[in-house]
N, C-alpha and C. Protein backbone atom coordinates (compact mmCIF):
# COMPACT_ATOMS: atom_id res chain seq x y z
N MET A 1 -2.91 -22.28 -15.82
CA MET A 1 -3.20 -21.36 -16.92
C MET A 1 -4.10 -22.04 -17.94
N ASN A 2 -5.04 -21.29 -18.52
CA ASN A 2 -5.97 -21.84 -19.50
C ASN A 2 -5.21 -22.26 -20.76
N PRO A 3 -5.50 -23.45 -21.31
CA PRO A 3 -4.81 -23.90 -22.53
C PRO A 3 -4.97 -22.94 -23.69
N GLU A 4 -6.12 -22.23 -23.76
CA GLU A 4 -6.33 -21.28 -24.84
C GLU A 4 -5.36 -20.11 -24.75
N ASP A 5 -4.98 -19.73 -23.50
CA ASP A 5 -4.05 -18.63 -23.32
C ASP A 5 -2.67 -18.97 -23.85
N GLU A 6 -2.31 -20.27 -23.79
CA GLU A 6 -0.99 -20.67 -24.23
C GLU A 6 -0.84 -20.55 -25.74
N LYS A 7 -1.97 -20.53 -26.47
CA LYS A 7 -1.93 -20.41 -27.92
C LYS A 7 -1.71 -18.97 -28.37
N LYS A 8 -1.95 -18.00 -27.50
CA LYS A 8 -1.80 -16.61 -27.86
C LYS A 8 -0.32 -16.25 -27.92
N PRO A 9 0.08 -15.36 -28.87
CA PRO A 9 1.49 -14.98 -28.98
C PRO A 9 1.94 -14.19 -27.75
N GLY A 10 3.22 -14.34 -27.41
CA GLY A 10 3.76 -13.63 -26.25
C GLY A 10 4.19 -14.60 -25.18
N LEU A 11 4.98 -14.08 -24.26
CA LEU A 11 5.49 -14.90 -23.17
C LEU A 11 4.70 -14.59 -21.91
N TYR A 12 4.00 -15.59 -21.39
CA TYR A 12 3.15 -15.41 -20.22
C TYR A 12 3.58 -16.36 -19.10
N PHE A 13 3.26 -15.94 -17.87
CA PHE A 13 3.61 -16.75 -16.70
C PHE A 13 2.40 -16.81 -15.77
N PRO A 14 2.31 -17.84 -14.94
CA PRO A 14 1.31 -17.84 -13.88
C PRO A 14 1.67 -16.81 -12.82
N THR A 15 0.71 -16.44 -12.00
CA THR A 15 0.93 -15.34 -11.04
C THR A 15 1.36 -15.83 -9.66
N ASN A 16 1.46 -17.14 -9.45
CA ASN A 16 1.69 -17.62 -8.09
C ASN A 16 3.03 -17.18 -7.51
N ARG A 17 4.09 -17.16 -8.33
CA ARG A 17 5.39 -16.75 -7.80
C ARG A 17 5.42 -15.25 -7.50
N LEU A 18 4.71 -14.49 -8.32
CA LEU A 18 4.63 -13.05 -8.08
C LEU A 18 3.88 -12.76 -6.79
N GLU A 19 2.83 -13.52 -6.54
CA GLU A 19 2.07 -13.36 -5.30
C GLU A 19 2.92 -13.74 -4.09
N THR A 20 3.72 -14.80 -4.23
CA THR A 20 4.59 -15.22 -3.13
C THR A 20 5.64 -14.17 -2.81
N LEU A 21 6.25 -13.61 -3.86
CA LEU A 21 7.23 -12.54 -3.67
C LEU A 21 6.60 -11.33 -2.99
N THR A 22 5.40 -10.98 -3.43
CA THR A 22 4.70 -9.83 -2.85
C THR A 22 4.41 -10.04 -1.37
N ASP A 23 3.88 -11.19 -1.02
CA ASP A 23 3.57 -11.48 0.38
C ASP A 23 4.83 -11.45 1.24
N GLY A 24 5.93 -11.99 0.71
CA GLY A 24 7.17 -12.01 1.48
C GLY A 24 7.73 -10.62 1.74
N LEU A 25 7.74 -9.77 0.71
CA LEU A 25 8.28 -8.42 0.88
C LEU A 25 7.38 -7.56 1.76
N PHE A 26 6.07 -7.77 1.68
CA PHE A 26 5.17 -7.05 2.58
C PHE A 26 5.44 -7.44 4.03
N ALA A 27 5.63 -8.73 4.28
CA ALA A 27 5.90 -9.19 5.64
C ALA A 27 7.19 -8.57 6.18
N ILE A 28 8.21 -8.49 5.32
CA ILE A 28 9.49 -7.89 5.74
C ILE A 28 9.32 -6.41 6.03
N ALA A 29 8.67 -5.68 5.10
CA ALA A 29 8.51 -4.24 5.26
C ALA A 29 7.69 -3.90 6.51
N MET A 30 6.63 -4.66 6.77
CA MET A 30 5.78 -4.38 7.92
C MET A 30 6.48 -4.73 9.23
N THR A 31 7.42 -5.68 9.17
CA THR A 31 8.18 -6.03 10.37
C THR A 31 9.26 -4.99 10.66
N ILE A 32 9.94 -4.53 9.61
CA ILE A 32 11.01 -3.55 9.78
C ILE A 32 10.47 -2.22 10.31
N LEU A 33 9.20 -1.95 10.09
CA LEU A 33 8.62 -0.68 10.53
C LEU A 33 8.87 -0.41 12.01
N VAL A 34 8.85 -1.45 12.83
CA VAL A 34 8.99 -1.25 14.27
C VAL A 34 10.36 -0.69 14.63
N VAL A 35 11.35 -0.88 13.75
CA VAL A 35 12.70 -0.36 13.99
C VAL A 35 12.70 1.17 13.96
N THR A 36 11.69 1.76 13.32
CA THR A 36 11.64 3.23 13.25
C THR A 36 11.37 3.85 14.61
N ILE A 37 10.93 3.06 15.57
CA ILE A 37 10.67 3.57 16.93
C ILE A 37 11.95 3.41 17.75
N GLU A 38 12.65 4.51 17.96
CA GLU A 38 13.89 4.48 18.72
C GLU A 38 13.61 4.90 20.16
N ILE A 39 13.99 4.04 21.10
CA ILE A 39 13.81 4.33 22.52
C ILE A 39 14.98 5.20 23.00
N PRO A 40 14.71 6.36 23.61
CA PRO A 40 15.79 7.21 24.12
C PRO A 40 16.66 6.47 25.12
N MET A 41 17.97 6.62 24.98
CA MET A 41 18.92 5.96 25.87
C MET A 41 19.13 6.82 27.12
N GLY A 42 19.51 6.17 28.20
CA GLY A 42 19.78 6.90 29.43
C GLY A 42 18.95 6.36 30.58
N PRO A 43 19.40 6.57 31.80
CA PRO A 43 18.67 6.08 32.97
C PRO A 43 17.39 6.85 33.23
N ILE A 44 16.36 6.13 33.68
CA ILE A 44 15.09 6.74 34.06
C ILE A 44 14.82 6.35 35.50
N HIS A 45 14.87 7.33 36.40
CA HIS A 45 14.79 7.04 37.83
C HIS A 45 13.45 7.41 38.44
N THR A 46 12.64 8.20 37.74
CA THR A 46 11.37 8.64 38.30
C THR A 46 10.23 8.39 37.32
N SER A 47 9.02 8.32 37.87
CA SER A 47 7.84 8.14 37.02
C SER A 47 7.62 9.34 36.12
N GLN A 48 7.93 10.52 36.64
CA GLN A 48 7.76 11.74 35.84
C GLN A 48 8.68 11.72 34.61
N LEU A 49 9.92 11.27 34.81
CA LEU A 49 10.86 11.19 33.70
C LEU A 49 10.42 10.12 32.70
N PHE A 50 9.83 9.03 33.22
CA PHE A 50 9.33 7.98 32.34
C PHE A 50 8.18 8.49 31.48
N LEU A 51 7.26 9.25 32.10
CA LEU A 51 6.14 9.81 31.35
C LEU A 51 6.64 10.81 30.31
N GLN A 52 7.65 11.58 30.67
CA GLN A 52 8.21 12.54 29.73
C GLN A 52 8.85 11.83 28.53
N THR A 53 9.57 10.76 28.82
CA THR A 53 10.21 9.99 27.75
C THR A 53 9.16 9.33 26.85
N THR A 54 8.11 8.81 27.47
CA THR A 54 7.02 8.19 26.70
C THR A 54 6.35 9.21 25.79
N GLY A 55 6.17 10.43 26.30
CA GLY A 55 5.57 11.49 25.50
C GLY A 55 6.42 11.87 24.31
N GLU A 56 7.73 11.74 24.46
CA GLU A 56 8.64 12.10 23.37
C GLU A 56 8.57 11.10 22.21
N ILE A 57 8.35 9.83 22.54
CA ILE A 57 8.32 8.82 21.48
C ILE A 57 6.91 8.52 20.99
N LEU A 58 5.90 9.13 21.62
CA LEU A 58 4.51 8.88 21.21
C LEU A 58 4.27 9.24 19.74
N PRO A 59 4.77 10.38 19.24
CA PRO A 59 4.56 10.68 17.81
C PRO A 59 5.13 9.61 16.89
N LYS A 60 6.22 8.97 17.32
CA LYS A 60 6.81 7.91 16.49
C LYS A 60 5.89 6.69 16.44
N TYR A 61 5.20 6.42 17.55
CA TYR A 61 4.22 5.33 17.56
C TYR A 61 3.08 5.64 16.59
N VAL A 62 2.66 6.90 16.56
CA VAL A 62 1.57 7.30 15.66
C VAL A 62 1.96 7.06 14.21
N VAL A 63 3.18 7.46 13.85
CA VAL A 63 3.66 7.27 12.48
C VAL A 63 3.78 5.78 12.16
N TYR A 64 4.23 5.01 13.15
CA TYR A 64 4.36 3.56 12.96
C TYR A 64 3.00 2.92 12.67
N PHE A 65 2.00 3.23 13.50
CA PHE A 65 0.67 2.66 13.30
C PHE A 65 0.09 3.09 11.96
N LEU A 66 0.31 4.36 11.60
CA LEU A 66 -0.19 4.86 10.32
C LEU A 66 0.42 4.08 9.16
N SER A 67 1.74 3.95 9.17
CA SER A 67 2.43 3.25 8.08
C SER A 67 2.01 1.78 8.02
N PHE A 68 1.85 1.16 9.18
CA PHE A 68 1.45 -0.25 9.22
C PHE A 68 0.06 -0.43 8.62
N LEU A 69 -0.87 0.44 9.01
CA LEU A 69 -2.23 0.34 8.49
C LEU A 69 -2.29 0.62 6.99
N ILE A 70 -1.48 1.58 6.53
CA ILE A 70 -1.45 1.89 5.11
C ILE A 70 -0.89 0.71 4.31
N LEU A 71 0.19 0.12 4.81
CA LEU A 71 0.74 -1.06 4.13
C LEU A 71 -0.28 -2.20 4.10
N ALA A 72 -1.01 -2.36 5.20
CA ALA A 72 -2.05 -3.39 5.23
C ALA A 72 -3.11 -3.12 4.17
N GLY A 73 -3.47 -1.84 4.01
CA GLY A 73 -4.45 -1.47 2.99
C GLY A 73 -3.95 -1.76 1.59
N PHE A 74 -2.69 -1.43 1.32
CA PHE A 74 -2.12 -1.72 0.00
C PHE A 74 -2.02 -3.22 -0.25
N TRP A 75 -1.72 -3.97 0.80
CA TRP A 75 -1.63 -5.43 0.64
C TRP A 75 -3.00 -6.03 0.30
N ILE A 76 -4.02 -5.56 1.01
CA ILE A 76 -5.38 -6.03 0.72
C ILE A 76 -5.77 -5.63 -0.70
N ASN A 77 -5.44 -4.39 -1.08
CA ASN A 77 -5.76 -3.91 -2.41
C ASN A 77 -5.06 -4.74 -3.49
N HIS A 78 -3.89 -5.25 -3.16
CA HIS A 78 -3.12 -6.02 -4.14
C HIS A 78 -3.73 -7.39 -4.40
N HIS A 79 -4.77 -7.74 -3.69
CA HIS A 79 -5.46 -9.01 -3.94
C HIS A 79 -6.13 -9.02 -5.32
N ILE A 80 -6.09 -7.90 -6.03
CA ILE A 80 -6.58 -7.90 -7.41
C ILE A 80 -5.78 -8.87 -8.26
N LEU A 81 -4.59 -9.25 -7.81
CA LEU A 81 -3.81 -10.23 -8.57
C LEU A 81 -4.53 -11.56 -8.68
N PHE A 82 -5.43 -11.84 -7.72
CA PHE A 82 -6.19 -13.07 -7.80
C PHE A 82 -7.15 -13.04 -8.98
N LEU A 83 -7.41 -11.86 -9.52
CA LEU A 83 -8.30 -11.72 -10.67
C LEU A 83 -7.52 -11.68 -11.97
N ILE A 84 -6.19 -11.73 -11.90
CA ILE A 84 -5.35 -11.75 -13.09
C ILE A 84 -5.01 -13.20 -13.42
N LYS A 85 -5.37 -13.63 -14.61
CA LYS A 85 -5.21 -15.04 -14.96
C LYS A 85 -3.78 -15.39 -15.34
N LYS A 86 -3.00 -14.38 -15.75
CA LYS A 86 -1.62 -14.62 -16.16
C LYS A 86 -0.88 -13.29 -16.12
N THR A 87 0.44 -13.36 -16.22
CA THR A 87 1.24 -12.14 -16.24
C THR A 87 2.29 -12.27 -17.34
N ASN A 88 2.86 -11.13 -17.75
CA ASN A 88 3.95 -11.13 -18.72
C ASN A 88 5.12 -10.34 -18.14
N LEU A 89 6.17 -10.16 -18.93
CA LEU A 89 7.36 -9.49 -18.42
C LEU A 89 7.07 -8.04 -18.02
N THR A 90 6.27 -7.34 -18.83
CA THR A 90 5.98 -5.94 -18.52
C THR A 90 5.21 -5.81 -17.22
N LEU A 91 4.16 -6.60 -17.07
CA LEU A 91 3.37 -6.53 -15.84
C LEU A 91 4.21 -6.95 -14.63
N THR A 92 5.09 -7.92 -14.83
CA THR A 92 5.97 -8.35 -13.74
C THR A 92 6.90 -7.22 -13.31
N TRP A 93 7.45 -6.49 -14.28
CA TRP A 93 8.34 -5.37 -13.94
C TRP A 93 7.59 -4.23 -13.27
N ILE A 94 6.37 -3.97 -13.72
CA ILE A 94 5.56 -2.95 -13.05
C ILE A 94 5.35 -3.33 -11.59
N ASN A 95 5.08 -4.60 -11.36
CA ASN A 95 4.88 -5.08 -9.99
C ASN A 95 6.17 -4.99 -9.18
N VAL A 96 7.32 -5.25 -9.82
CA VAL A 96 8.61 -5.17 -9.13
C VAL A 96 8.89 -3.73 -8.69
N PHE A 97 8.64 -2.76 -9.57
CA PHE A 97 8.84 -1.36 -9.20
C PHE A 97 7.88 -0.95 -8.08
N TRP A 98 6.66 -1.48 -8.14
CA TRP A 98 5.69 -1.22 -7.07
C TRP A 98 6.21 -1.75 -5.74
N LEU A 99 6.78 -2.94 -5.76
CA LEU A 99 7.34 -3.53 -4.54
C LEU A 99 8.56 -2.75 -4.05
N MET A 100 9.30 -2.15 -4.98
CA MET A 100 10.45 -1.34 -4.58
C MET A 100 10.01 -0.18 -3.68
N PHE A 101 8.91 0.47 -4.06
CA PHE A 101 8.40 1.57 -3.23
C PHE A 101 7.77 1.05 -1.94
N ILE A 102 7.23 -0.16 -1.98
CA ILE A 102 6.71 -0.76 -0.75
C ILE A 102 7.83 -0.94 0.27
N THR A 103 8.97 -1.45 -0.18
CA THR A 103 10.08 -1.70 0.74
C THR A 103 10.75 -0.41 1.19
N LEU A 104 10.45 0.71 0.54
CA LEU A 104 10.99 2.01 0.97
C LEU A 104 10.17 2.64 2.09
N VAL A 105 9.00 2.09 2.37
CA VAL A 105 8.13 2.68 3.40
C VAL A 105 8.80 2.73 4.77
N PRO A 106 9.52 1.69 5.22
CA PRO A 106 10.21 1.82 6.51
C PRO A 106 11.20 2.98 6.54
N LEU A 107 11.89 3.23 5.42
CA LEU A 107 12.85 4.33 5.37
C LEU A 107 12.14 5.68 5.43
N SER A 108 11.11 5.87 4.61
CA SER A 108 10.39 7.15 4.62
C SER A 108 9.67 7.35 5.94
N THR A 109 9.22 6.26 6.57
CA THR A 109 8.60 6.35 7.89
C THR A 109 9.62 6.80 8.93
N SER A 110 10.83 6.26 8.84
CA SER A 110 11.90 6.64 9.77
C SER A 110 12.24 8.12 9.62
N ILE A 111 12.26 8.61 8.38
CA ILE A 111 12.59 10.02 8.13
C ILE A 111 11.56 10.94 8.76
N ILE A 112 10.27 10.65 8.55
CA ILE A 112 9.24 11.53 9.09
C ILE A 112 9.12 11.38 10.60
N ALA A 113 9.48 10.20 11.13
CA ALA A 113 9.45 10.01 12.58
C ALA A 113 10.57 10.78 13.27
N GLN A 114 11.71 10.89 12.61
CA GLN A 114 12.85 11.60 13.18
C GLN A 114 12.77 13.11 12.97
N PHE A 115 12.17 13.53 11.86
CA PHE A 115 12.13 14.96 11.53
C PHE A 115 10.71 15.39 11.18
N PRO A 116 9.77 15.26 12.11
CA PRO A 116 8.37 15.60 11.81
C PRO A 116 8.13 17.10 11.62
N GLN A 117 9.09 17.92 12.04
CA GLN A 117 8.90 19.37 11.97
C GLN A 117 9.22 19.94 10.60
N TYR A 118 9.76 19.12 9.69
CA TYR A 118 10.16 19.62 8.38
C TYR A 118 9.19 19.15 7.30
N GLN A 119 8.84 20.07 6.42
CA GLN A 119 7.92 19.73 5.34
C GLN A 119 8.55 18.73 4.37
N LEU A 120 9.87 18.82 4.20
CA LEU A 120 10.54 17.92 3.27
C LEU A 120 10.38 16.46 3.70
N SER A 121 10.46 16.20 5.00
CA SER A 121 10.28 14.83 5.47
C SER A 121 8.86 14.34 5.21
N GLN A 122 7.88 15.23 5.38
CA GLN A 122 6.49 14.88 5.08
C GLN A 122 6.32 14.62 3.59
N PHE A 123 6.99 15.44 2.77
CA PHE A 123 6.89 15.27 1.32
C PHE A 123 7.50 13.94 0.87
N ILE A 124 8.64 13.57 1.46
CA ILE A 124 9.27 12.29 1.12
C ILE A 124 8.34 11.13 1.45
N PHE A 125 7.72 11.20 2.62
CA PHE A 125 6.78 10.15 3.04
C PHE A 125 5.58 10.09 2.10
N ASP A 126 5.01 11.26 1.80
CA ASP A 126 3.85 11.31 0.91
C ASP A 126 4.19 10.83 -0.49
N LEU A 127 5.36 11.25 -0.98
CA LEU A 127 5.76 10.86 -2.34
C LEU A 127 5.92 9.35 -2.44
N ASN A 128 6.46 8.74 -1.41
CA ASN A 128 6.59 7.28 -1.36
C ASN A 128 5.22 6.61 -1.48
N LEU A 129 4.26 7.09 -0.69
CA LEU A 129 2.91 6.51 -0.74
C LEU A 129 2.22 6.79 -2.07
N LEU A 130 2.47 7.97 -2.63
CA LEU A 130 1.85 8.32 -3.91
C LEU A 130 2.33 7.39 -5.02
N MET A 131 3.62 7.09 -5.04
CA MET A 131 4.15 6.19 -6.07
C MET A 131 3.58 4.78 -5.91
N ILE A 132 3.40 4.35 -4.66
CA ILE A 132 2.80 3.03 -4.43
C ILE A 132 1.38 2.99 -4.99
N GLY A 133 0.62 4.04 -4.71
CA GLY A 133 -0.76 4.10 -5.20
C GLY A 133 -0.84 4.13 -6.71
N LEU A 134 0.03 4.91 -7.35
CA LEU A 134 0.00 5.02 -8.81
C LEU A 134 0.42 3.71 -9.48
N PHE A 135 1.44 3.06 -8.94
CA PHE A 135 1.86 1.78 -9.52
C PHE A 135 0.80 0.70 -9.30
N SER A 136 0.10 0.78 -8.18
CA SER A 136 -0.98 -0.17 -7.94
C SER A 136 -2.06 -0.02 -9.00
N TYR A 137 -2.38 1.22 -9.35
CA TYR A 137 -3.36 1.47 -10.41
C TYR A 137 -2.83 1.00 -11.76
N MET A 138 -1.53 1.23 -12.01
CA MET A 138 -0.93 0.81 -13.28
C MET A 138 -0.99 -0.70 -13.46
N ILE A 139 -0.82 -1.44 -12.36
CA ILE A 139 -0.88 -2.90 -12.44
C ILE A 139 -2.24 -3.34 -12.98
N TRP A 140 -3.30 -2.77 -12.40
CA TRP A 140 -4.64 -3.16 -12.83
C TRP A 140 -4.94 -2.70 -14.25
N ARG A 141 -4.60 -1.45 -14.58
CA ARG A 141 -4.91 -0.92 -15.90
C ARG A 141 -4.16 -1.69 -16.99
N TYR A 142 -2.89 -1.98 -16.75
CA TYR A 142 -2.12 -2.71 -17.76
C TYR A 142 -2.71 -4.10 -17.97
N ALA A 143 -3.02 -4.78 -16.87
CA ALA A 143 -3.59 -6.13 -16.97
C ALA A 143 -4.92 -6.11 -17.71
N LEU A 144 -5.72 -5.09 -17.46
CA LEU A 144 -7.03 -4.98 -18.12
C LEU A 144 -6.87 -4.68 -19.60
N ASP A 145 -5.99 -3.74 -19.94
CA ASP A 145 -5.81 -3.33 -21.33
C ASP A 145 -5.15 -4.41 -22.19
N HIS A 146 -4.42 -5.33 -21.56
CA HIS A 146 -3.71 -6.36 -22.32
C HIS A 146 -4.33 -7.75 -22.13
N ASP A 147 -5.59 -7.75 -21.76
CA ASP A 147 -6.37 -9.00 -21.68
C ASP A 147 -5.71 -10.04 -20.77
N LEU A 148 -5.24 -9.58 -19.61
CA LEU A 148 -4.66 -10.48 -18.63
C LEU A 148 -5.63 -10.76 -17.48
N ILE A 149 -6.83 -10.18 -17.58
CA ILE A 149 -7.84 -10.31 -16.53
C ILE A 149 -8.82 -11.42 -16.90
N ARG A 150 -9.27 -12.15 -15.90
CA ARG A 150 -10.29 -13.17 -16.14
C ARG A 150 -11.57 -12.51 -16.67
N GLU A 151 -12.23 -13.17 -17.58
CA GLU A 151 -13.41 -12.61 -18.22
C GLU A 151 -14.50 -12.27 -17.21
N ASN A 152 -14.71 -13.14 -16.22
CA ASN A 152 -15.78 -12.89 -15.26
C ASN A 152 -15.41 -11.81 -14.25
N ALA A 153 -14.18 -11.27 -14.33
CA ALA A 153 -13.77 -10.20 -13.42
C ALA A 153 -13.91 -8.82 -14.06
N LYS A 154 -14.00 -8.77 -15.38
CA LYS A 154 -14.03 -7.48 -16.08
C LYS A 154 -15.21 -6.59 -15.70
N PRO A 155 -16.40 -7.14 -15.43
CA PRO A 155 -17.49 -6.26 -15.00
C PRO A 155 -17.22 -5.51 -13.71
N TYR A 156 -16.26 -5.97 -12.92
CA TYR A 156 -15.94 -5.33 -11.65
C TYR A 156 -14.88 -4.25 -11.79
N ASP A 157 -14.49 -3.96 -13.03
CA ASP A 157 -13.45 -2.95 -13.26
C ASP A 157 -13.75 -1.60 -12.61
N PRO A 158 -14.98 -1.06 -12.72
CA PRO A 158 -15.25 0.25 -12.08
C PRO A 158 -15.01 0.24 -10.58
N TYR A 159 -15.38 -0.84 -9.90
CA TYR A 159 -15.18 -0.91 -8.45
C TYR A 159 -13.70 -0.96 -8.11
N ILE A 160 -12.96 -1.81 -8.82
CA ILE A 160 -11.53 -1.96 -8.54
C ILE A 160 -10.78 -0.67 -8.86
N ARG A 161 -11.18 0.00 -9.94
CA ARG A 161 -10.50 1.24 -10.31
C ARG A 161 -10.69 2.31 -9.25
N ARG A 162 -11.88 2.40 -8.69
CA ARG A 162 -12.13 3.37 -7.62
C ARG A 162 -11.30 3.06 -6.38
N ILE A 163 -11.24 1.77 -6.03
CA ILE A 163 -10.49 1.38 -4.84
C ILE A 163 -9.02 1.72 -5.00
N THR A 164 -8.46 1.50 -6.19
CA THR A 164 -7.04 1.74 -6.41
C THR A 164 -6.72 3.22 -6.61
N LEU A 165 -7.72 4.04 -6.92
CA LEU A 165 -7.46 5.45 -7.17
C LEU A 165 -7.64 6.34 -5.95
N PHE A 166 -8.48 5.94 -4.99
CA PHE A 166 -8.73 6.86 -3.89
C PHE A 166 -7.51 6.99 -2.98
N MET A 167 -6.63 5.97 -2.95
CA MET A 167 -5.43 6.07 -2.12
C MET A 167 -4.49 7.17 -2.59
N PRO A 168 -4.06 7.18 -3.87
CA PRO A 168 -3.20 8.28 -4.31
C PRO A 168 -3.89 9.63 -4.27
N ALA A 169 -5.22 9.65 -4.41
CA ALA A 169 -5.94 10.92 -4.32
C ALA A 169 -5.82 11.53 -2.93
N ILE A 170 -5.92 10.70 -1.90
CA ILE A 170 -5.78 11.18 -0.52
C ILE A 170 -4.35 11.63 -0.27
N VAL A 171 -3.38 10.89 -0.79
CA VAL A 171 -1.97 11.28 -0.60
C VAL A 171 -1.69 12.61 -1.27
N PHE A 172 -2.23 12.82 -2.46
CA PHE A 172 -2.05 14.11 -3.15
C PHE A 172 -2.65 15.24 -2.33
N LEU A 173 -3.81 14.99 -1.72
CA LEU A 173 -4.43 15.99 -0.85
C LEU A 173 -3.53 16.28 0.35
N SER A 174 -2.90 15.23 0.89
CA SER A 174 -1.99 15.40 2.02
C SER A 174 -0.81 16.28 1.64
N ILE A 175 -0.28 16.09 0.43
CA ILE A 175 0.84 16.91 -0.04
C ILE A 175 0.43 18.38 -0.10
N CYS A 176 -0.75 18.64 -0.61
CA CYS A 176 -1.23 20.03 -0.71
C CYS A 176 -1.40 20.65 0.67
N ILE A 177 -1.96 19.89 1.61
CA ILE A 177 -2.19 20.41 2.96
C ILE A 177 -0.88 20.62 3.71
N SER A 178 0.17 19.88 3.34
CA SER A 178 1.46 20.02 4.04
C SER A 178 2.04 21.42 3.90
N PHE A 179 1.64 22.16 2.87
CA PHE A 179 2.11 23.53 2.72
C PHE A 179 1.45 24.46 3.73
N LEU A 180 0.35 24.00 4.33
CA LEU A 180 -0.38 24.83 5.29
C LEU A 180 -0.19 24.35 6.72
N ASN A 181 -0.28 23.03 6.93
CA ASN A 181 -0.20 22.48 8.28
C ASN A 181 0.32 21.04 8.22
N LEU A 182 1.47 20.80 8.84
CA LEU A 182 2.10 19.48 8.77
C LEU A 182 1.32 18.43 9.56
N LYS A 183 0.76 18.82 10.71
CA LYS A 183 0.03 17.86 11.53
C LYS A 183 -1.22 17.37 10.81
N TRP A 184 -1.96 18.30 10.22
CA TRP A 184 -3.16 17.90 9.50
C TRP A 184 -2.81 17.09 8.25
N SER A 185 -1.69 17.42 7.65
CA SER A 185 -1.24 16.67 6.48
C SER A 185 -0.99 15.21 6.82
N LEU A 186 -0.44 14.97 8.00
CA LEU A 186 -0.18 13.60 8.43
C LEU A 186 -1.47 12.90 8.86
N LEU A 187 -2.32 13.62 9.59
CA LEU A 187 -3.55 13.02 10.10
C LEU A 187 -4.50 12.61 8.98
N ILE A 188 -4.49 13.38 7.90
CA ILE A 188 -5.43 13.08 6.81
C ILE A 188 -5.09 11.74 6.15
N LEU A 189 -3.85 11.28 6.32
CA LEU A 189 -3.47 9.99 5.75
C LEU A 189 -4.17 8.83 6.44
N PHE A 190 -4.69 9.06 7.64
CA PHE A 190 -5.46 8.01 8.32
C PHE A 190 -6.75 7.71 7.57
N MET A 191 -7.12 8.59 6.63
CA MET A 191 -8.30 8.34 5.82
C MET A 191 -8.10 7.15 4.88
N ILE A 192 -6.83 6.83 4.58
CA ILE A 192 -6.57 5.73 3.64
C ILE A 192 -7.09 4.40 4.18
N PRO A 193 -6.64 3.94 5.35
CA PRO A 193 -7.22 2.68 5.86
C PRO A 193 -8.70 2.80 6.20
N LEU A 194 -9.13 4.01 6.66
CA LEU A 194 -10.53 4.19 7.02
C LEU A 194 -11.44 4.13 5.79
N LEU A 195 -11.08 4.88 4.76
CA LEU A 195 -11.91 4.91 3.56
C LEU A 195 -11.85 3.60 2.79
N PHE A 196 -10.75 2.86 2.97
CA PHE A 196 -10.69 1.56 2.30
C PHE A 196 -11.74 0.62 2.88
N VAL A 197 -11.94 0.69 4.19
CA VAL A 197 -12.98 -0.12 4.82
C VAL A 197 -14.35 0.31 4.31
N VAL A 198 -14.55 1.63 4.17
CA VAL A 198 -15.82 2.14 3.64
C VAL A 198 -16.02 1.67 2.21
N ALA A 199 -14.94 1.69 1.42
CA ALA A 199 -15.05 1.28 0.02
C ALA A 199 -15.46 -0.18 -0.09
N ILE A 200 -14.98 -0.98 0.83
CA ILE A 200 -15.35 -2.39 0.82
C ILE A 200 -16.86 -2.55 0.97
N LYS A 201 -17.46 -1.70 1.82
CA LYS A 201 -18.90 -1.78 2.06
C LYS A 201 -19.70 -1.19 0.90
N VAL A 202 -19.22 -0.08 0.36
CA VAL A 202 -20.00 0.66 -0.64
C VAL A 202 -19.93 0.00 -2.01
N TRP A 203 -18.75 -0.47 -2.39
CA TRP A 203 -18.54 -0.94 -3.76
C TRP A 203 -18.66 -2.46 -3.86
N THR A 204 -19.68 -3.01 -3.22
CA THR A 204 -20.06 -4.42 -3.35
C THR A 204 -18.86 -5.35 -3.26
N TRP A 205 -18.06 -5.15 -2.21
CA TRP A 205 -16.88 -5.99 -2.05
C TRP A 205 -17.25 -7.45 -1.80
N ARG A 206 -18.44 -7.70 -1.28
CA ARG A 206 -18.84 -9.09 -1.03
C ARG A 206 -18.90 -9.87 -2.33
N ASP A 207 -19.48 -9.24 -3.36
CA ASP A 207 -19.54 -9.91 -4.66
C ASP A 207 -18.14 -10.11 -5.22
N LEU A 208 -17.28 -9.08 -5.04
CA LEU A 208 -15.92 -9.18 -5.54
C LEU A 208 -15.15 -10.26 -4.80
N LYS A 209 -15.39 -10.39 -3.50
CA LYS A 209 -14.72 -11.41 -2.71
C LYS A 209 -15.12 -12.80 -3.19
N LYS A 210 -16.41 -12.97 -3.48
CA LYS A 210 -16.87 -14.26 -4.00
C LYS A 210 -16.19 -14.58 -5.33
N LEU A 211 -16.01 -13.54 -6.14
CA LEU A 211 -15.35 -13.74 -7.43
C LEU A 211 -13.90 -14.15 -7.24
N ILE A 212 -13.21 -13.52 -6.27
CA ILE A 212 -11.82 -13.86 -5.98
C ILE A 212 -11.71 -15.32 -5.55
N LEU A 213 -12.60 -15.72 -4.64
CA LEU A 213 -12.56 -17.10 -4.15
C LEU A 213 -12.89 -18.09 -5.26
N ARG A 214 -13.81 -17.69 -6.14
CA ARG A 214 -14.20 -18.59 -7.22
C ARG A 214 -13.08 -18.76 -8.24
N THR A 215 -12.34 -17.68 -8.52
CA THR A 215 -11.26 -17.76 -9.49
C THR A 215 -10.06 -18.49 -8.95
N LYS A 216 -9.97 -18.63 -7.62
CA LYS A 216 -8.85 -19.37 -7.03
C LYS A 216 -9.07 -20.88 -7.07
N ASP A 217 -10.35 -21.27 -7.18
CA ASP A 217 -10.67 -22.71 -7.18
C ASP A 217 -10.25 -23.37 -8.50
């Protein structure tokens, strides 16, 4: 931490322990996701029955891959912490609540995998992702408004704000579409990992990556 920051009033902490906690909980949540795929019990004596059983669990694989890719996108997006020079109790608690919704993803994934025919299960899944996206944005906005961001990172605020906002925007669109078509509501969520890759290309992520690496040195 910069010695000048220690002179400012308030209780501040370095971000390394928060980053370690975040990485650990992400690893746990992404691992538990595979438990949402339940293999039907019972003997399988023919290839036709095997294909039928595989077809029954295929939608669960789709939900698993979707949730895994979305979590990966949120984890990459959370690298904005490398641009935060310090944290305080409020920012730490915001991050803790954000992690709470991260760890709920395996549960909401299990619900939609087991009951894909109900809009309520889709809504629970979408609401979980929406809260993650909103808290992710809150982390950045709070850090920026309370001078917790490195000075050389502030010019990149427009790029980071767009990256953190397009995720909840897509989830909100998914919620609206769920009233019309559940399948399309789920499929549109694949735009989150896809558009995140596009955002990296469009919003000068190379410059931002250099800044992240430079601030870590």
